[in-house]
Amino acid sequence: MREQIIAALKTVYDPEVPVNIWELGLIYGLEVDEAGHARIRMTLTAPNCPVAGSLPAEVDRKARGVPGVTDVTLEVVFDPPWDKSRMSPAAKLALGLDDVIPIRRLNR
């Protein structure tokens, strides 16, 4: 069930960034017990994020939509603060961050 919730969370995007919240590293924790209770710990890219009211609600809705999920406890935290080191290599590549693949320059 955990993998199904992850797949659902990968359909949630921060509207300011064209990468899903899972790859962005906004999900700090995800646990699912045998009864189907999902516990999600997440953050936002910044405390004053314009989607602070809507993004957590969308995460909750997507998780509840997974078959077998009986309840969701969602906690939004800001400690530790989010930074780009939490992003997956795929997210860094999609955003064109230059520290994903070291480029070796050739002198001619």
Protein backbone atom coordinates (compact mmCIF):
# COMPACT_ATOMS: atom_id res chain seq x y z
CA MET A 1 0.00 0.00 0.00
CA ARG A 2 2.94 2.32 0.69
CA GLU A 3 4.03 2.14 -2.95
CA GLN A 4 0.49 2.95 -4.09
CA ILE A 5 0.44 6.03 -1.86
CA ILE A 6 3.81 7.10 -3.24
CA ALA A 7 2.44 6.71 -6.77
CA ALA A 8 -0.53 8.89 -5.80
CA LEU A 9 1.73 11.53 -4.25
CA LYS A 10 3.78 11.61 -7.46
CA THR A 11 0.70 13.10 -9.14
CA VAL A 12 0.78 16.14 -6.82
CA TYR A 13 2.74 19.14 -8.06
CA ASP A 14 3.77 22.39 -6.48
CA PRO A 15 2.34 24.78 -9.10
CA GLU A 16 5.48 26.92 -8.99
CA VAL A 17 7.80 23.99 -9.78
CA PRO A 18 7.21 21.50 -12.62
CA VAL A 19 8.26 18.52 -10.48
CA ASN A 20 6.06 16.36 -8.26
CA ILE A 21 6.28 16.72 -4.49
CA TRP A 22 7.77 13.25 -3.97
CA GLU A 23 10.73 13.96 -6.27
CA LEU A 24 11.08 17.44 -4.77
CA GLY A 25 11.61 15.80 -1.39
CA LEU A 26 8.67 17.51 0.28
CA ILE A 27 7.53 14.24 1.83
CA TYR A 28 9.68 13.69 4.91
CA GLY A 29 7.99 10.52 6.10
CA LEU A 30 5.35 8.00 5.08
CA GLU A 31 4.21 5.10 7.23
CA VAL A 32 1.23 2.83 6.73
CA ASP A 33 0.05 0.41 9.40
CA GLU A 34 -1.74 -2.90 8.89
CA ALA A 35 -5.12 -1.23 9.41
CA GLY A 36 -4.51 1.10 6.46
CA HIS A 37 -3.78 4.22 8.51
CA ALA A 38 -1.27 6.38 6.62
CA ARG A 39 0.91 8.84 8.50
CA ILE A 40 2.49 11.46 6.27
CA ARG A 41 5.02 14.05 7.34
CA MET A 42 5.60 16.77 4.78
CA THR A 43 6.93 20.25 4.31
CA LEU A 44 6.65 23.07 1.81
CA THR A 45 9.43 24.74 -0.13
CA ALA A 46 8.96 27.79 2.11
CA PRO A 47 6.73 28.57 5.13
CA ASN A 48 5.03 31.40 3.21
CA CYS A 49 4.44 29.20 0.14
CA PRO A 50 1.34 30.41 -1.76
CA VAL A 51 -0.10 26.87 -1.78
CA ALA A 52 0.34 26.34 1.97
CA GLY A 53 -3.42 25.98 2.34
CA SER A 54 -4.15 23.84 -0.70
CA LEU A 55 -1.13 21.54 -1.14
CA PRO A 56 -1.47 19.64 2.17
CA ALA A 57 -5.20 19.18 1.47
CA GLU A 58 -4.38 17.72 -1.95
CA VAL A 59 -1.83 15.33 -0.39
CA ASP A 60 -4.44 14.19 2.12
CA ARG A 61 -7.04 13.71 -0.62
CA LYS A 62 -4.68 11.74 -2.87
CA ALA A 63 -3.59 9.45 -0.04
CA ARG A 64 -7.20 8.81 1.02
CA GLY A 65 -8.01 7.89 -2.57
CA VAL A 66 -5.70 4.88 -2.50
CA PRO A 67 -7.65 1.62 -2.10
CA GLY A 68 -7.18 0.19 1.38
CA VAL A 69 -6.30 3.49 3.06
CA THR A 70 -8.65 3.84 6.02
CA ASP A 71 -7.35 7.08 7.52
CA VAL A 72 -4.65 9.69 7.00
CA THR A 73 -2.78 11.72 9.56
CA LEU A 74 -0.94 14.55 7.83
CA GLU A 75 1.65 16.65 9.62
CA VAL A 76 3.17 19.74 7.98
CA VAL A 77 6.57 20.58 9.45
CA PHE A 78 9.27 23.14 8.75
CA ASP A 79 12.08 21.55 10.70
CA PRO A 80 14.33 20.60 9.15
CA PRO A 81 13.87 23.27 6.51
CA TRP A 82 13.54 22.06 2.94
CA ASP A 83 16.45 22.68 0.58
CA LYS A 84 17.48 21.37 -2.83
CA SER A 85 19.58 18.59 -1.32
CA ARG A 86 16.29 16.76 -0.60
CA MET A 87 15.44 16.59 -4.30
CA SER A 88 15.90 13.38 -6.26
CA PRO A 89 18.49 13.33 -9.05
CA ALA A 90 15.58 13.18 -11.53
CA ALA A 91 14.10 16.38 -10.06
CA LYS A 92 17.45 18.15 -10.19
CA LEU A 93 17.90 17.11 -13.80
CA ALA A 94 14.38 18.24 -14.72
CA LEU A 95 15.05 21.65 -13.19
CA GLY A 96 18.45 21.99 -14.83
CA LEU A 97 20.43 22.15 -11.63
CA ASP A 98 24.08 21.78 -12.54
CA ASP A 99 25.20 19.67 -9.60
CA VAL A 100 23.46 16.49 -10.77
CA ILE A 101 25.95 15.28 -13.33
CA PRO A 102 29.51 16.49 -12.93
CA ILE A 103 30.73 17.86 -16.23
CA ARG A 104 34.36 17.41 -17.02
CA ARG A 105 35.63 20.19 -19.17
CA LEU A 106 38.20 19.40 -21.79
CA ASN A 107 40.96 21.88 -22.49
CA ARG A 108 41.78 22.22 -26.19
